[in-house]
PDB file of N, CA and C in Angstrom:
ATOM      1  N   UNK A   1      92.857  77.938  61.851  1.00  0.00           N
ATOM      2  CA  UNK A   1      92.288  79.160  62.395  1.00  0.00           C
ATOM      3  C   UNK A   1      91.867  78.953  63.851  1.00  0.00           C
ATOM      4  N   UNK A   2      91.266  77.813  64.120  1.00  0.00           N
ATOM      5  CA  UNK A   2      90.824  77.530  65.486  1.00  0.00           C
ATOM      6  C   UNK A   2      92.024  77.446  66.425  1.00  0.00           C
ATOM      7  N   UNK A   3      93.089  76.824  65.966  1.00  0.00           N
ATOM      8  CA  UNK A   3      94.288  76.707  66.805  1.00  0.00           C
ATOM      9  C   UNK A   3      94.872  78.089  67.084  1.00  0.00           C
ATOM     10  N   UNK A   4      94.893  78.951  66.084  1.00  0.00           N
ATOM     11  CA  UNK A   4      95.381  80.321  66.291  1.00  0.00           C
ATOM     12  C   UNK A   4      94.524  81.063  67.304  1.00  0.00           C
ATOM     13  N   UNK A   5      93.214  80.887  67.214  1.00  0.00           N
ATOM     14  CA  UNK A   5      92.310  81.542  68.171  1.00  0.00           C
ATOM     15  C   UNK A   5      92.528  81.020  69.584  1.00  0.00           C
ATOM     16  N   UNK A   6      92.777  79.734  69.715  1.00  0.00           N
ATOM     17  CA  UNK A   6      93.033  79.157  71.042  1.00  0.00           C
ATOM     18  C   UNK A   6      94.324  79.731  71.624  1.00  0.00           C
ATOM     19  N   UNK A   7      95.368  79.782  70.817  1.00  0.00           N
ATOM     20  CA  UNK A   7      96.647  80.337  71.286  1.00  0.00           C
ATOM     21  C   UNK A   7      96.488  81.804  71.658  1.00  0.00           C
ATOM     22  N   UNK A   8      95.774  82.553  70.828  1.00  0.00           N
ATOM     23  CA  UNK A   8      95.542  83.973  71.112  1.00  0.00           C
ATOM     24  C   UNK A   8      94.761  84.139  72.418  1.00  0.00           C
ATOM     25  N   UNK A   9      93.729  83.345  72.602  1.00  0.00           N
ATOM     26  CA  UNK A   9      92.931  83.430  73.831  1.00  0.00           C
ATOM     27  C   UNK A   9      93.734  83.106  75.076  1.00  0.00           C
ATOM     28  N   UNK A  10      94.566  82.090  74.989  1.00  0.00           N
ATOM     29  CA  UNK A  10      95.420  81.745  76.131  1.00  0.00           C
ATOM     30  C   UNK A  10      96.401  82.878  76.417  1.00  0.00           C
ATOM     31  N   UNK A  11      96.958  83.464  75.364  1.00  0.00           N
ATOM     32  CA  UNK A  11      97.898  84.574  75.546  1.00  0.00           C
ATOM     33  C   UNK A  11      97.250  85.788  76.176  1.00  0.00           C
ATOM     34  N   UNK A  12      96.090  86.187  75.664  1.00  0.00           N
ATOM     35  CA  UNK A  12      95.396  87.354  76.214  1.00  0.00           C
ATOM     36  C   UNK A  12      94.953  87.087  77.649  1.00  0.00           C
ATOM     37  N   UNK A  13      94.460  85.889  77.911  1.00  0.00           N
ATOM     38  CA  UNK A  13      94.066  85.549  79.278  1.00  0.00           C
ATOM     39  C   UNK A  13      95.244  85.552  80.236  1.00  0.00           C
ATOM     40  N   UNK A  14      96.379  85.058  79.774  1.00  0.00           N
ATOM     41  CA  UNK A  14      97.578  85.066  80.610  1.00  0.00           C
ATOM     42  C   UNK A  14      98.072  86.469  80.897  1.00  0.00           C
ATOM     43  N   UNK A  15      98.022  87.328  79.884  1.00  0.00           N
ATOM     44  CA  UNK A  15      98.456  88.711  80.079  1.00  0.00           C
ATOM     45  C   UNK A  15      97.545  89.421  81.066  1.00  0.00           C
ATOM     46  N   UNK A  16      96.245  89.226  80.915  1.00  0.00           N
ATOM     47  CA  UNK A  16      95.297  89.876  81.823  1.00  0.00           C
ATOM     48  C   UNK A  16      95.500  89.394  83.254  1.00  0.00           C
ATOM     49  N   UNK A  17      95.702  88.104  83.420  1.00  0.00           N
ATOM     50  CA  UNK A  17      95.959  87.572  84.756  1.00  0.00           C
ATOM     51  C   UNK A  17      97.242  88.110  85.359  1.00  0.00           C
ATOM     52  N   UNK A  18      98.276  88.228  84.548  1.00  0.00           N
ATOM     53  CA  UNK A  18      99.544  88.752  85.045  1.00  0.00           C
ATOM     54  C   UNK A  18      99.457  90.239  85.369  1.00  0.00           C
ATOM     55  N   UNK A  19      98.629  90.987  84.637  1.00  0.00           N
ATOM     56  CA  UNK A  19      98.451  92.404  84.945  1.00  0.00           C
ATOM     57  C   UNK A  19      97.904  92.564  86.356  1.00  0.00           C
ATOM     58  N   UNK A  20      96.947  91.733  86.712  1.00  0.00           N
ATOM     59  CA  UNK A  20      96.363  91.810  88.051  1.00  0.00           C
ATOM     60  C   UNK A  20      97.424  91.516  89.103  1.00  0.00           C
ATOM     61  N   UNK A  21      98.238  90.499  88.877  1.00  0.00           N
ATOM     62  CA  UNK A  21      99.281  90.136  89.839  1.00  0.00           C
ATOM     63  C   UNK A  21     100.290  91.274  89.997  1.00  0.00           C
ATOM     64  N   UNK A  22     100.721  91.860  88.888  1.00  0.00           N
ATOM     65  CA  UNK A  22     101.707  92.943  88.945  1.00  0.00           C
ATOM     66  C   UNK A  22     101.123  94.170  89.636  1.00  0.00           C
ATOM     67  N   UNK A  23      99.872  94.495  89.346  1.00  0.00           N
ATOM     68  CA  UNK A  23      99.243  95.653  89.989  1.00  0.00           C
ATOM     69  C   UNK A  23      99.137  95.439  91.490  1.00  0.00           C
ATOM     70  N   UNK A  24      98.739  94.248  91.914  1.00  0.00           N
ATOM     71  CA  UNK A  24      98.621  93.975  93.353  1.00  0.00           C
ATOM     72  C   UNK A  24      99.994  94.028  94.017  1.00  0.00           C
ATOM     73  N   UNK A  25     101.023  93.497  93.364  1.00  0.00           N
ATOM     74  CA  UNK A  25     102.368  93.511  93.950  1.00  0.00           C
ATOM     75  C   UNK A  25     102.921  94.924  94.070  1.00  0.00           C
ATOM     76  N   UNK A  26     102.640  95.767  93.102  1.00  0.00           N
ATOM     77  CA  UNK A  26     103.236  97.099  93.111  1.00  0.00           C
ATOM     78  C   UNK A  26     102.407  98.119  93.870  1.00  0.00           C
ATOM     79  N   UNK A  27     101.088  98.040  93.770  1.00  0.00           N
ATOM     80  CA  UNK A  27     100.242  99.067  94.378  1.00  0.00           C
ATOM     81  C   UNK A  27      99.420  98.580  95.563  1.00  0.00           C
ATOM     82  N   UNK A  28      99.238  97.288  95.681  1.00  0.00           N
ATOM     83  CA  UNK A  28      98.439  96.755  96.773  1.00  0.00           C
ATOM     84  C   UNK A  28      97.017  96.436  96.331  1.00  0.00           C
ATOM     85  N   UNK A  29      96.377  95.584  97.114  1.00  0.00           N
ATOM     86  CA  UNK A  29      95.029  95.119  96.785  1.00  0.00           C
ATOM     87  C   UNK A  29      94.003  96.244  96.849  1.00  0.00           C
ATOM     88  N   UNK A  30      94.222  97.225  97.720  1.00  0.00           N
ATOM     89  CA  UNK A  30      93.241  98.297  97.884  1.00  0.00           C
ATOM     90  C   UNK A  30      93.146  99.198  96.651  1.00  0.00           C
ATOM     91  N   UNK A  31      94.179  99.249  95.827  1.00  0.00           N
ATOM     92  CA  UNK A  31      94.167 100.105  94.632  1.00  0.00           C
ATOM     93  C   UNK A  31      93.984  99.314  93.343  1.00  0.00           C
ATOM     94  N   UNK A  32      93.669  98.022  93.460  1.00  0.00           N
ATOM     95  CA  UNK A  32      93.572  97.163  92.282  1.00  0.00           C
ATOM     96  C   UNK A  32      92.501  97.636  91.311  1.00  0.00           C
ATOM     97  N   UNK A  33      91.303  97.916  91.796  1.00  0.00           N
ATOM     98  CA  UNK A  33      90.197  98.279  90.899  1.00  0.00           C
ATOM     99  C   UNK A  33      90.503  99.558  90.126  1.00  0.00           C
ATOM    100  N   UNK A  34      90.976 100.577  90.822  1.00  0.00           N
ATOM    101  CA  UNK A  34      91.270 101.849  90.151  1.00  0.00           C
ATOM    102  C   UNK A  34      92.430 101.701  89.169  1.00  0.00           C
ATOM    103  N   UNK A  35      93.479 100.992  89.566  1.00  0.00           N
ATOM    104  CA  UNK A  35      94.649 100.838  88.695  1.00  0.00           C
ATOM    105  C   UNK A  35      94.323  99.988  87.469  1.00  0.00           C
ATOM    106  N   UNK A  36      93.552  98.928  87.657  1.00  0.00           N
ATOM    107  CA  UNK A  36      93.195  98.074  86.520  1.00  0.00           C
ATOM    108  C   UNK A  36      92.273  98.821  85.559  1.00  0.00           C
ATOM    109  N   UNK A  37      91.330  99.583  86.104  1.00  0.00           N
ATOM    110  CA  UNK A  37      90.458 100.397  85.260  1.00  0.00           C
ATOM    111  C   UNK A  37      91.233 101.442  84.484  1.00  0.00           C
ATOM    112  N   UNK A  38      92.181 102.095  85.147  1.00  0.00           N
ATOM    113  CA  UNK A  38      93.018 103.089  84.473  1.00  0.00           C
ATOM    114  C   UNK A  38      93.880 102.436  83.395  1.00  0.00           C
ATOM    115  N   UNK A  39      94.378 101.250  83.684  1.00  0.00           N
ATOM    116  CA  UNK A  39      95.167 100.492  82.715  1.00  0.00           C
ATOM    117  C   UNK A  39      94.344 100.198  81.459  1.00  0.00           C
ATOM    118  N   UNK A  40      93.119  99.736  81.637  1.00  0.00           N
ATOM    119  CA  UNK A  40      92.261  99.441  80.487  1.00  0.00           C
ATOM    120  C   UNK A  40      91.878 100.709  79.731  1.00  0.00           C
ATOM    121  N   UNK A  41      91.634 101.795  80.453  1.00  0.00           N
ATOM    122  CA  UNK A  41      91.267 103.063  79.819  1.00  0.00           C
ATOM    123  C   UNK A  41      92.402 103.584  78.943  1.00  0.00           C
ATOM    124  N   UNK A  42      93.612 103.601  79.489  1.00  0.00           N
ATOM    125  CA  UNK A  42      94.768 104.081  78.723  1.00  0.00           C
ATOM    126  C   UNK A  42      95.042 103.158  77.537  1.00  0.00           C
ATOM    127  N   UNK A  43      94.894 101.852  77.750  1.00  0.00           N
ATOM    128  CA  UNK A  43      95.060 100.913  76.641  1.00  0.00           C
ATOM    129  C   UNK A  43      94.065 101.178  75.523  1.00  0.00           C
ATOM    130  N   UNK A  44      92.831 101.490  75.883  1.00  0.00           N
ATOM    131  CA  UNK A  44      91.822 101.821  74.882  1.00  0.00           C
ATOM    132  C   UNK A  44      92.138 103.097  74.134  1.00  0.00           C
ATOM    133  N   UNK A  45      92.672 104.087  74.843  1.00  0.00           N
ATOM    134  CA  UNK A  45      93.053 105.338  74.183  1.00  0.00           C
ATOM    135  C   UNK A  45      94.192 105.132  73.187  1.00  0.00           C
ATOM    136  N   UNK A  46      95.071 104.195  73.488  1.00  0.00           N
ATOM    137  CA  UNK A  46      96.218 103.941  72.619  1.00  0.00           C
ATOM    138  C   UNK A  46      95.822 103.099  71.401  1.00  0.00           C
ATOM    139  N   UNK A  47      94.866 102.201  71.568  1.00  0.00           N
ATOM    140  CA  UNK A  47      94.484 101.302  70.479  1.00  0.00           C
ATOM    141  C   UNK A  47      93.892 102.061  69.296  1.00  0.00           C
ATOM    142  N   UNK A  48      93.028 103.030  69.547  1.00  0.00           N
ATOM    143  CA  UNK A  48      92.339 103.707  68.443  1.00  0.00           C
ATOM    144  C   UNK A  48      93.303 104.406  67.484  1.00  0.00           C
ATOM    145  N   UNK A  49      94.198 105.290  67.955  1.00  0.00           N
ATOM    146  CA  UNK A  49      95.131 105.881  66.984  1.00  0.00           C
ATOM    147  C   UNK A  49      96.129 104.863  66.437  1.00  0.00           C
ATOM    148  N   UNK A  50      96.404 103.807  67.204  1.00  0.00           N
ATOM    149  CA  UNK A  50      97.321 102.775  66.725  1.00  0.00           C
ATOM    150  C   UNK A  50      96.797 102.084  65.479  1.00  0.00           C
ATOM    151  N   UNK A  51      95.493 101.842  65.441  1.00  0.00           N
ATOM    152  CA  UNK A  51      94.881 101.215  64.271  1.00  0.00           C
ATOM    153  C   UNK A  51      95.037 102.114  63.045  1.00  0.00           C
ATOM    154  N   UNK A  52      94.827 103.397  63.232  1.00  0.00           N
ATOM    155  CA  UNK A  52      94.952 104.344  62.121  1.00  0.00           C
ATOM    156  C   UNK A  52      96.399 104.403  61.625  1.00  0.00           C
ATOM    157  N   UNK A  53      97.347 104.436  62.558  1.00  0.00           N
ATOM    158  CA  UNK A  53      98.765 104.493  62.177  1.00  0.00           C
ATOM    159  C   UNK A  53      99.180 103.224  61.435  1.00  0.00           C
ATOM    160  N   UNK A  54      98.739 102.063  61.920  1.00  0.00           N
ATOM    161  CA  UNK A  54      99.063 100.802  61.246  1.00  0.00           C
ATOM    162  C   UNK A  54      98.479 100.790  59.837  1.00  0.00           C
ATOM    163  N   UNK A  55      97.249 101.273  59.677  1.00  0.00           N
ATOM    164  CA  UNK A  55      96.648 101.350  58.346  1.00  0.00           C
ATOM    165  C   UNK A  55      97.428 102.265  57.422  1.00  0.00           C
ATOM    166  N   UNK A  56      97.887 103.384  57.953  1.00  0.00           N
ATOM    167  CA  UNK A  56      98.680 104.331  57.159  1.00  0.00           C
ATOM    168  C   UNK A  56     100.000 103.697  56.723  1.00  0.00           C
ATOM    169  N   UNK A  57     100.653 102.985  57.634  1.00  0.00           N
ATOM    170  CA  UNK A  57     101.916 102.319  57.297  1.00  0.00           C
ATOM    171  C   UNK A  57     101.676 101.237  56.246  1.00  0.00           C
ATOM    172  N   UNK A  58     100.568 100.521  56.365  1.00  0.00           N
ATOM    173  CA  UNK A  58     100.252  99.481  55.382  1.00  0.00           C
ATOM    174  C   UNK A  58     100.017 100.085  54.003  1.00  0.00           C
ATOM    175  N   UNK A  59      99.349 101.231  53.955  1.00  0.00           N
ATOM    176  CA  UNK A  59      99.121 101.897  52.669  1.00  0.00           C
ATOM    177  C   UNK A  59     100.451 102.362  52.072  1.00  0.00           C
ATOM    178  N   UNK A  60     101.340 102.898  52.904  1.00  0.00           N
ATOM    179  CA  UNK A  60     102.634 103.374  52.402  1.00  0.00           C
ATOM    180  C   UNK A  60     103.515 102.240  51.882  1.00  0.00           C
ATOM    181  N   UNK A  61     103.545 101.128  52.626  1.00  0.00           N
ATOM    182  CA  UNK A  61     104.446 100.031  52.268  1.00  0.00           C
ATOM    183  C   UNK A  61     103.786  98.982  51.382  1.00  0.00           C
ATOM    184  N   UNK A  62     102.462  98.909  51.414  1.00  0.00           N
ATOM    185  CA  UNK A  62     101.758  97.901  50.625  1.00  0.00           C
ATOM    186  C   UNK A  62     101.775  96.524  51.249  1.00  0.00           C
ATOM    187  N   UNK A  63     102.218  96.428  52.495  1.00  0.00           N
ATOM    188  CA  UNK A  63     102.324  95.133  53.152  1.00  0.00           C
ATOM    189  C   UNK A  63     102.081  95.291  54.649  1.00  0.00           C
ATOM    190  N   UNK A  64     101.524  94.247  55.228  1.00  0.00           N
ATOM    191  CA  UNK A  64     101.342  94.253  56.674  1.00  0.00           C
ATOM    192  C   UNK A  64     102.582  93.742  57.408  1.00  0.00           C
ATOM    193  N   UNK A  65     103.574  93.232  56.682  1.00  0.00           N
ATOM    194  CA  UNK A  65     104.777  92.687  57.326  1.00  0.00           C
ATOM    195  C   UNK A  65     105.491  93.756  58.144  1.00  0.00           C
ATOM    196  N   UNK A  66     105.629  94.949  57.593  1.00  0.00           N
ATOM    197  CA  UNK A  66     106.278  96.045  58.324  1.00  0.00           C
ATOM    198  C   UNK A  66     105.472  96.377  59.576  1.00  0.00           C
ATOM    199  N   UNK A  67     104.155  96.354  59.453  1.00  0.00           N
ATOM    200  CA  UNK A  67     103.289  96.645  60.601  1.00  0.00           C
ATOM    201  C   UNK A  67     103.501  95.628  61.717  1.00  0.00           C
ATOM    202  N   UNK A  68     103.598  94.345  61.353  1.00  0.00           N
ATOM    203  CA  UNK A  68     103.830  93.314  62.357  1.00  0.00           C
ATOM    204  C   UNK A  68     105.174  93.513  63.045  1.00  0.00           C
ATOM    205  N   UNK A  69     106.187  93.895  62.293  1.00  0.00           N
ATOM    206  CA  UNK A  69     107.507  94.139  62.887  1.00  0.00           C
ATOM    207  C   UNK A  69     107.466  95.336  63.840  1.00  0.00           C
ATOM    208  N   UNK A  70     106.760  96.373  63.468  1.00  0.00           N
ATOM    209  CA  UNK A  70     106.651  97.555  64.334  1.00  0.00           C
ATOM    210  C   UNK A  70     105.922  97.208  65.618  1.00  0.00           C
ATOM    211  N   UNK A  71     104.799  96.516  65.497  1.00  0.00           N
ATOM    212  CA  UNK A  71     104.030  96.140  66.693  1.00  0.00           C
ATOM    213  C   UNK A  71     104.848  95.193  67.569  1.00  0.00           C
ATOM    214  N   UNK A  72     105.562  94.257  66.959  1.00  0.00           N
ATOM    215  CA  UNK A  72     106.433  93.368  67.729  1.00  0.00           C
ATOM    216  C   UNK A  72     107.525  94.128  68.460  1.00  0.00           C
ATOM    217  N   UNK A  73     108.117  95.116  67.790  1.00  0.00           N
ATOM    218  CA  UNK A  73     109.137  95.945  68.436  1.00  0.00           C
ATOM    219  C   UNK A  73     108.589  96.733  69.607  1.00  0.00           C
ATOM    220  N   UNK A  74     107.382  97.258  69.449  1.00  0.00           N
ATOM    221  CA  UNK A  74     106.750  97.991  70.555  1.00  0.00           C
ATOM    222  C   UNK A  74     106.491  97.052  71.730  1.00  0.00           C
ATOM    223  N   UNK A  75     106.045  95.831  71.446  1.00  0.00           N
ATOM    224  CA  UNK A  75     105.815  94.857  72.523  1.00  0.00           C
ATOM    225  C   UNK A  75     107.115  94.520  73.253  1.00  0.00           C
ATOM    226  N   UNK A  76     108.192  94.351  72.511  1.00  0.00           N
ATOM    227  CA  UNK A  76     109.487  94.063  73.133  1.00  0.00           C
ATOM    228  C   UNK A  76     109.949  95.242  73.980  1.00  0.00           C
ATOM    229  N   UNK A  77     109.742  96.469  73.491  1.00  0.00           N
ATOM    230  CA  UNK A  77     110.112  97.651  74.285  1.00  0.00           C
ATOM    231  C   UNK A  77     109.310  97.701  75.585  1.00  0.00           C
ATOM    232  N   UNK A  78     108.035  97.358  75.522  1.00  0.00           N
ATOM    233  CA  UNK A  78     107.213  97.348  76.739  1.00  0.00           C
ATOM    234  C   UNK A  78     107.715  96.304  77.726  1.00  0.00           C
ATOM    235  N   UNK A  79     108.112  95.142  77.223  1.00  0.00           N
ATOM    236  CA  UNK A  79     108.667  94.109  78.107  1.00  0.00           C
ATOM    237  C   UNK A  79     109.959  94.585  78.756  1.00  0.00           C
ATOM    238  N   UNK A  80     110.780  95.291  78.001  1.00  0.00           N
ATOM    239  CA  UNK A  80     112.038  95.816  78.555  1.00  0.00           C
ATOM    240  C   UNK A  80     111.778  96.846  79.650  1.00  0.00           C
ATOM    241  N   UNK A  81     110.686  97.588  79.532  1.00  0.00           N
ATOM    242  CA  UNK A  81     110.349  98.547  80.585  1.00  0.00           C
ATOM    243  C   UNK A  81     109.977  97.836  81.884  1.00  0.00           C
ATOM    244  N   UNK A  82     109.366  96.653  81.785  1.00  0.00           N
ATOM    245  CA  UNK A  82     108.959  95.905  82.975  1.00  0.00           C
ATOM    246  C   UNK A  82     110.081  95.041  83.535  1.00  0.00           C
ATOM    247  N   UNK A  83     111.166  94.837  82.791  1.00  0.00           N
ATOM    248  CA  UNK A  83     112.240  93.943  83.222  1.00  0.00           C
ATOM    249  C   UNK A  83     112.845  94.309  84.576  1.00  0.00           C
ATOM    250  N   UNK A  84     113.069  95.594  84.906  1.00  0.00           N
ATOM    251  CA  UNK A  84     113.674  95.906  86.205  1.00  0.00           C
ATOM    252  C   UNK A  84     112.699  95.822  87.385  1.00  0.00           C
ATOM    253  N   UNK A  85     111.445  95.479  87.153  1.00  0.00           N
ATOM    254  CA  UNK A  85     110.462  95.461  88.238  1.00  0.00           C
ATOM    255  C   UNK A  85     110.843  94.537  89.396  1.00  0.00           C
ATOM    256  N   UNK A  86     111.268  93.284  89.169  1.00  0.00           N
ATOM    257  CA  UNK A  86     111.623  92.439  90.316  1.00  0.00           C
ATOM    258  C   UNK A  86     112.730  93.038  91.178  1.00  0.00           C
ATOM    259  N   UNK A  87     113.738  93.638  90.553  1.00  0.00           N
ATOM    260  CA  UNK A  87     114.825  94.262  91.305  1.00  0.00           C
ATOM    261  C   UNK A  87     114.300  95.443  92.127  1.00  0.00           C
ATOM    262  N   UNK A  88     113.419  96.237  91.533  1.00  0.00           N
ATOM    263  CA  UNK A  88     112.859  97.384  92.248  1.00  0.00           C
ATOM    264  C   UNK A  88     112.005  96.933  93.427  1.00  0.00           C
ATOM    265  N   UNK A  89     111.242  95.858  93.253  1.00  0.00           N
ATOM    266  CA  UNK A  89     110.420  95.353  94.354  1.00  0.00           C
ATOM    267  C   UNK A  89     111.285  94.807  95.482  1.00  0.00           C
ATOM    268  N   UNK A  90     112.374  94.094  95.137  1.00  0.00           N
ATOM    269  CA  UNK A  90     113.271  93.587  96.184  1.00  0.00           C
ATOM    270  C   UNK A  90     113.899  94.730  96.962  1.00  0.00           C
ATOM    271  N   UNK A  91     114.311  95.773  96.263  1.00  0.00           N
ATOM    272  CA  UNK A  91     114.919  96.930  96.921  1.00  0.00           C
ATOM    273  C   UNK A  91     113.901  97.620  97.827  1.00  0.00           C
ATOM    274  N   UNK A  92     112.667  97.769  97.334  1.00  0.00           N
ATOM    275  CA  UNK A  92     111.634  98.419  98.138  1.00  0.00           C
ATOM    276  C   UNK A  92     111.315  97.592  99.380  1.00  0.00           C
ATOM    277  N   UNK A  93     111.210  96.275  99.215  1.00  0.00           N
ATOM    278  CA  UNK A  93     110.899  95.415 100.358  1.00  0.00           C
ATOM    279  C   UNK A  93     112.052  95.359 101.354  1.00  0.00           C
ATOM    280  N   UNK A  94     113.286  95.490 100.887  1.00  0.00           N
ATOM    281  CA  UNK A  94     114.437  95.482 101.796  1.00  0.00           C
ATOM    282  C   UNK A  94     114.479  96.755 102.635  1.00  0.00           C
ATOM    283  N   UNK A  95     113.952  97.854 102.109  1.00  0.00           N
ATOM    284  CA  UNK A  95     113.972  99.128 102.828  1.00  0.00           C
ATOM    285  C   UNK A  95     112.775  99.318 103.752  1.00  0.00           C
ATOM    286  N   UNK A  96     111.800  98.417 103.693  1.00  0.00           N
ATOM    287  CA  UNK A  96     110.633  98.540 104.570  1.00  0.00           C
ATOM    288  C   UNK A  96     111.021  98.196 106.002  1.00  0.00           C
ATOM    289  N   UNK A  97     110.475  98.921 106.972  1.00  0.00           N
ATOM    290  CA  UNK A  97     110.757  98.567 108.371  1.00  0.00           C
ATOM    291  C   UNK A  97     110.104  97.238 108.720  1.00  0.00           C
ATOM    292  N   UNK A  98     110.794  96.466 109.558  1.00  0.00           N
ATOM    293  CA  UNK A  98     110.285  95.132 109.914  1.00  0.00           C
ATOM    294  C   UNK A  98     109.575  95.129 111.227  1.00  0.00           C
TER     295      UNK A  98
END
């Protein structure tokens, strides 16, 4: 259990650190506080109904395995949405006047 908590803590800390880096790269340091706050606010709004939906799916299926697969799929979809970011940043930086 302790090892799982350590891995989880490292993962959450890494994600939070990377969010700050991505926000600064895309929006700039001057908008970091507002963008990070908005990010946390929207994340909080999504978590509450997500818990209810996961509970409903668990009641329907009788197992949390389906819930884990759904949450994993959503995480993979979110990663796929961020995949084109480096290409978009290179294109934006190439079009900036020097």
